[in-house]
Amino acid sequence: GGTDKVDINNANVQAYRQFPGMYPTAAGAIASHGPYKEVGEIYKIPGLSEQVKGVIKKYEGQFVVLPANEAYFIDRINNGMYR
């Protein structure tokens, strides 16, 4: 049980489904920007509504920033679904 920490630099959009309200809008925004140096940078994503920021804030403690893996970074939005 419980939730897993999500590495915002390398997680694909599906990883955010465990947080109600994060998917698809907030998840898509986080996954399509970055790489991030710190979790707080996700609030600087252009076009986030206050509602979306509120949802992100709720789960901020579950997010971590690890070095972006370039091979994975490119694929984290598609997640290989279109092959």
N, C-alpha and C. Protein backbone atom coordinates (compact mmCIF):
# COMPACT_ATOMS: atom_id res chain seq x y z
N GLY A 1 0.80 -1.20 0.00
CA GLY A 1 0.00 0.00 0.00
C GLY A 1 0.84 1.25 0.00
N GLY A 2 0.18 2.37 0.23
CA GLY A 2 0.86 3.65 0.26
C GLY A 2 1.21 4.12 -1.14
N THR A 3 1.81 5.27 -1.20
CA THR A 3 2.18 5.81 -2.50
C THR A 3 3.68 5.75 -2.68
N ASP A 4 4.08 5.68 -3.93
CA ASP A 4 5.50 5.68 -4.26
C ASP A 4 5.92 7.10 -4.57
N LYS A 5 7.16 7.43 -4.23
CA LYS A 5 7.71 8.73 -4.63
C LYS A 5 7.83 8.75 -6.14
N VAL A 6 7.51 9.88 -6.73
CA VAL A 6 7.61 10.02 -8.17
C VAL A 6 8.76 10.96 -8.50
N ASP A 7 9.68 10.46 -9.32
CA ASP A 7 10.81 11.26 -9.78
C ASP A 7 10.33 12.10 -10.96
N ILE A 8 10.15 13.39 -10.74
CA ILE A 8 9.53 14.23 -11.77
C ILE A 8 10.39 14.41 -13.02
N ASN A 9 11.67 14.10 -12.96
CA ASN A 9 12.49 14.18 -14.16
C ASN A 9 12.35 12.95 -15.06
N ASN A 10 12.02 11.82 -14.49
CA ASN A 10 12.03 10.58 -15.27
C ASN A 10 10.70 9.84 -15.32
N ALA A 11 9.74 10.27 -14.52
CA ALA A 11 8.45 9.56 -14.51
C ALA A 11 7.63 9.91 -15.75
N ASN A 12 6.93 8.93 -16.28
CA ASN A 12 6.00 9.24 -17.37
C ASN A 12 4.64 9.57 -16.78
N VAL A 13 3.72 10.03 -17.61
CA VAL A 13 2.43 10.52 -17.11
C VAL A 13 1.66 9.49 -16.30
N GLN A 14 1.82 8.21 -16.64
CA GLN A 14 1.07 7.17 -15.92
C GLN A 14 1.43 7.10 -14.44
N ALA A 15 2.65 7.50 -14.10
CA ALA A 15 3.10 7.42 -12.71
C ALA A 15 2.28 8.30 -11.79
N TYR A 16 1.61 9.31 -12.35
CA TYR A 16 0.86 10.26 -11.52
C TYR A 16 -0.57 9.81 -11.26
N ARG A 17 -0.99 8.71 -11.87
CA ARG A 17 -2.37 8.24 -11.68
C ARG A 17 -2.66 7.88 -10.22
N GLN A 18 -1.63 7.58 -9.44
CA GLN A 18 -1.84 7.23 -8.03
C GLN A 18 -2.28 8.44 -7.20
N PHE A 19 -2.18 9.65 -7.76
CA PHE A 19 -2.57 10.86 -7.04
C PHE A 19 -3.84 11.43 -7.65
N PRO A 20 -4.98 11.29 -6.99
CA PRO A 20 -6.24 11.77 -7.55
C PRO A 20 -6.17 13.24 -7.95
N GLY A 21 -6.57 13.52 -9.20
CA GLY A 21 -6.58 14.88 -9.69
C GLY A 21 -5.34 15.27 -10.47
N MET A 22 -4.27 14.49 -10.36
CA MET A 22 -3.02 14.83 -11.05
C MET A 22 -3.07 14.48 -12.54
N TYR A 23 -3.81 13.42 -12.86
CA TYR A 23 -3.83 12.93 -14.24
C TYR A 23 -5.12 13.35 -14.91
N PRO A 24 -5.14 13.86 -16.15
CA PRO A 24 -3.98 13.97 -17.03
C PRO A 24 -3.33 15.36 -17.06
N THR A 25 -4.04 16.39 -16.56
CA THR A 25 -3.58 17.77 -16.78
C THR A 25 -2.25 18.08 -16.12
N ALA A 26 -2.19 17.95 -14.80
CA ALA A 26 -0.96 18.27 -14.07
C ALA A 26 0.15 17.31 -14.48
N ALA A 27 -0.18 16.02 -14.62
CA ALA A 27 0.81 15.02 -15.01
C ALA A 27 1.41 15.34 -16.38
N GLY A 28 0.56 15.72 -17.31
CA GLY A 28 1.02 16.04 -18.65
C GLY A 28 1.93 17.26 -18.65
N ALA A 29 1.56 18.26 -17.85
CA ALA A 29 2.37 19.48 -17.79
C ALA A 29 3.75 19.18 -17.21
N ILE A 30 3.79 18.40 -16.13
CA ILE A 30 5.07 18.08 -15.50
C ILE A 30 5.93 17.23 -16.44
N ALA A 31 5.31 16.25 -17.09
CA ALA A 31 6.06 15.34 -17.95
C ALA A 31 6.55 16.01 -19.23
N SER A 32 5.88 17.06 -19.67
CA SER A 32 6.27 17.68 -20.93
C SER A 32 7.22 18.86 -20.74
N HIS A 33 7.57 19.17 -19.49
CA HIS A 33 8.55 20.22 -19.20
C HIS A 33 9.75 19.61 -18.49
N GLY A 34 10.62 20.48 -18.00
CA GLY A 34 11.81 19.96 -17.33
C GLY A 34 12.95 19.81 -18.32
N PRO A 35 14.07 19.24 -17.94
CA PRO A 35 14.32 18.67 -16.61
C PRO A 35 14.34 19.73 -15.51
N TYR A 36 14.06 19.27 -14.32
CA TYR A 36 13.96 20.15 -13.16
C TYR A 36 15.17 19.96 -12.26
N LYS A 37 15.56 21.06 -11.60
CA LYS A 37 16.64 20.97 -10.61
C LYS A 37 16.07 20.74 -9.22
N GLU A 38 14.85 21.21 -9.01
CA GLU A 38 14.18 21.02 -7.73
C GLU A 38 12.67 20.97 -7.95
N VAL A 39 11.97 20.35 -7.02
CA VAL A 39 10.54 20.13 -7.16
C VAL A 39 9.79 21.46 -7.36
N GLY A 40 10.22 22.51 -6.67
CA GLY A 40 9.52 23.79 -6.76
C GLY A 40 9.44 24.37 -8.16
N GLU A 41 10.32 23.92 -9.05
CA GLU A 41 10.30 24.43 -10.42
C GLU A 41 9.03 24.06 -11.18
N ILE A 42 8.32 23.06 -10.73
CA ILE A 42 7.10 22.68 -11.46
C ILE A 42 6.04 23.78 -11.39
N TYR A 43 6.14 24.66 -10.40
CA TYR A 43 5.17 25.75 -10.31
C TYR A 43 5.44 26.84 -11.34
N LYS A 44 6.60 26.79 -11.99
CA LYS A 44 6.95 27.79 -13.01
C LYS A 44 6.52 27.36 -14.41
N ILE A 45 5.93 26.18 -14.52
CA ILE A 45 5.46 25.71 -15.83
C ILE A 45 4.41 26.70 -16.35
N PRO A 46 4.59 27.21 -17.57
CA PRO A 46 3.64 28.18 -18.10
C PRO A 46 2.25 27.57 -18.27
N GLY A 47 1.23 28.37 -18.00
CA GLY A 47 -0.14 27.96 -18.28
C GLY A 47 -0.82 27.12 -17.23
N LEU A 48 -0.18 26.88 -16.10
CA LEU A 48 -0.83 26.10 -15.04
C LEU A 48 -1.91 26.95 -14.38
N SER A 49 -3.11 26.42 -14.26
CA SER A 49 -4.17 27.14 -13.54
C SER A 49 -3.92 27.03 -12.04
N GLU A 50 -4.56 27.91 -11.30
CA GLU A 50 -4.43 27.86 -9.83
C GLU A 50 -4.95 26.52 -9.30
N GLN A 51 -5.97 26.00 -9.95
CA GLN A 51 -6.53 24.71 -9.52
C GLN A 51 -5.50 23.61 -9.68
N VAL A 52 -4.82 23.59 -10.83
CA VAL A 52 -3.80 22.57 -11.08
C VAL A 52 -2.64 22.73 -10.10
N LYS A 53 -2.23 23.97 -9.85
CA LYS A 53 -1.16 24.21 -8.88
C LYS A 53 -1.55 23.71 -7.50
N GLY A 54 -2.81 23.86 -7.17
CA GLY A 54 -3.30 23.39 -5.88
C GLY A 54 -3.21 21.89 -5.74
N VAL A 55 -3.54 21.19 -6.83
CA VAL A 55 -3.45 19.73 -6.84
C VAL A 55 -1.99 19.30 -6.68
N ILE A 56 -1.10 19.97 -7.43
CA ILE A 56 0.33 19.64 -7.34
C ILE A 56 0.83 19.87 -5.91
N LYS A 57 0.43 20.98 -5.32
CA LYS A 57 0.86 21.34 -3.96
C LYS A 57 0.48 20.23 -2.97
N LYS A 58 -0.71 19.67 -3.18
CA LYS A 58 -1.23 18.64 -2.29
C LYS A 58 -0.30 17.42 -2.24
N TYR A 59 0.34 17.11 -3.36
CA TYR A 59 1.17 15.90 -3.45
C TYR A 59 2.66 16.20 -3.57
N GLU A 60 3.02 17.46 -3.41
CA GLU A 60 4.41 17.89 -3.61
C GLU A 60 5.40 17.04 -2.81
N GLY A 61 5.03 16.64 -1.62
CA GLY A 61 5.91 15.84 -0.78
C GLY A 61 6.21 14.45 -1.33
N GLN A 62 5.42 14.03 -2.31
CA GLN A 62 5.62 12.71 -2.92
C GLN A 62 6.56 12.77 -4.12
N PHE A 63 6.99 13.98 -4.50
CA PHE A 63 7.82 14.14 -5.69
C PHE A 63 9.28 14.30 -5.31
N VAL A 64 10.15 13.71 -6.09
CA VAL A 64 11.59 13.86 -5.92
C VAL A 64 12.19 14.23 -7.27
N VAL A 65 13.40 14.78 -7.22
CA VAL A 65 14.12 15.14 -8.44
C VAL A 65 15.42 14.34 -8.49
N LEU A 66 15.53 13.48 -9.47
CA LEU A 66 16.76 12.74 -9.72
C LEU A 66 17.30 13.18 -11.07
N PRO A 67 18.58 12.94 -11.33
CA PRO A 67 19.13 13.37 -12.63
C PRO A 67 18.34 12.76 -13.79
N ALA A 68 18.05 13.58 -14.78
CA ALA A 68 17.28 13.10 -15.93
C ALA A 68 18.10 12.10 -16.74
N ASN A 69 17.49 10.97 -17.02
CA ASN A 69 18.09 9.96 -17.88
C ASN A 69 17.63 10.30 -19.30
N GLU A 70 18.55 10.74 -20.15
CA GLU A 70 18.16 11.26 -21.45
C GLU A 70 17.36 10.30 -22.30
N ALA A 71 17.74 9.05 -22.32
CA ALA A 71 17.02 8.08 -23.14
C ALA A 71 15.58 7.96 -22.67
N TYR A 72 15.40 7.98 -21.36
CA TYR A 72 14.07 7.84 -20.81
C TYR A 72 13.30 9.15 -20.88
N PHE A 73 14.02 10.25 -20.68
CA PHE A 73 13.42 11.58 -20.67
C PHE A 73 12.62 11.84 -21.93
N ILE A 74 13.17 11.48 -23.07
CA ILE A 74 12.52 11.69 -24.35
C ILE A 74 11.23 10.89 -24.45
N ASP A 75 11.23 9.72 -23.86
CA ASP A 75 10.13 8.77 -24.03
C ASP A 75 9.06 8.86 -22.95
N ARG A 76 9.23 9.78 -21.98
CA ARG A 76 8.33 9.71 -20.84
C ARG A 76 6.93 10.19 -21.13
N ILE A 77 6.72 10.93 -22.20
CA ILE A 77 5.36 11.34 -22.55
C ILE A 77 4.69 10.24 -23.37
N ASN A 78 5.37 9.75 -24.38
CA ASN A 78 4.81 8.69 -25.21
C ASN A 78 4.78 7.35 -24.48
N ASN A 79 5.79 7.15 -23.62
CA ASN A 79 5.89 5.90 -22.87
C ASN A 79 5.88 4.70 -23.81
N GLY A 80 6.41 4.89 -25.03
CA GLY A 80 6.49 3.79 -25.96
C GLY A 80 5.15 3.34 -26.52
N MET A 81 4.08 4.09 -26.23
CA MET A 81 2.75 3.64 -26.62
C MET A 81 2.51 3.68 -28.12
N TYR A 82 3.29 4.48 -28.84
CA TYR A 82 3.01 4.68 -30.26
C TYR A 82 3.88 3.82 -31.16
N ARG A 83 4.62 2.90 -30.60
CA ARG A 83 5.49 2.05 -31.43
C ARG A 83 4.68 0.95 -32.09
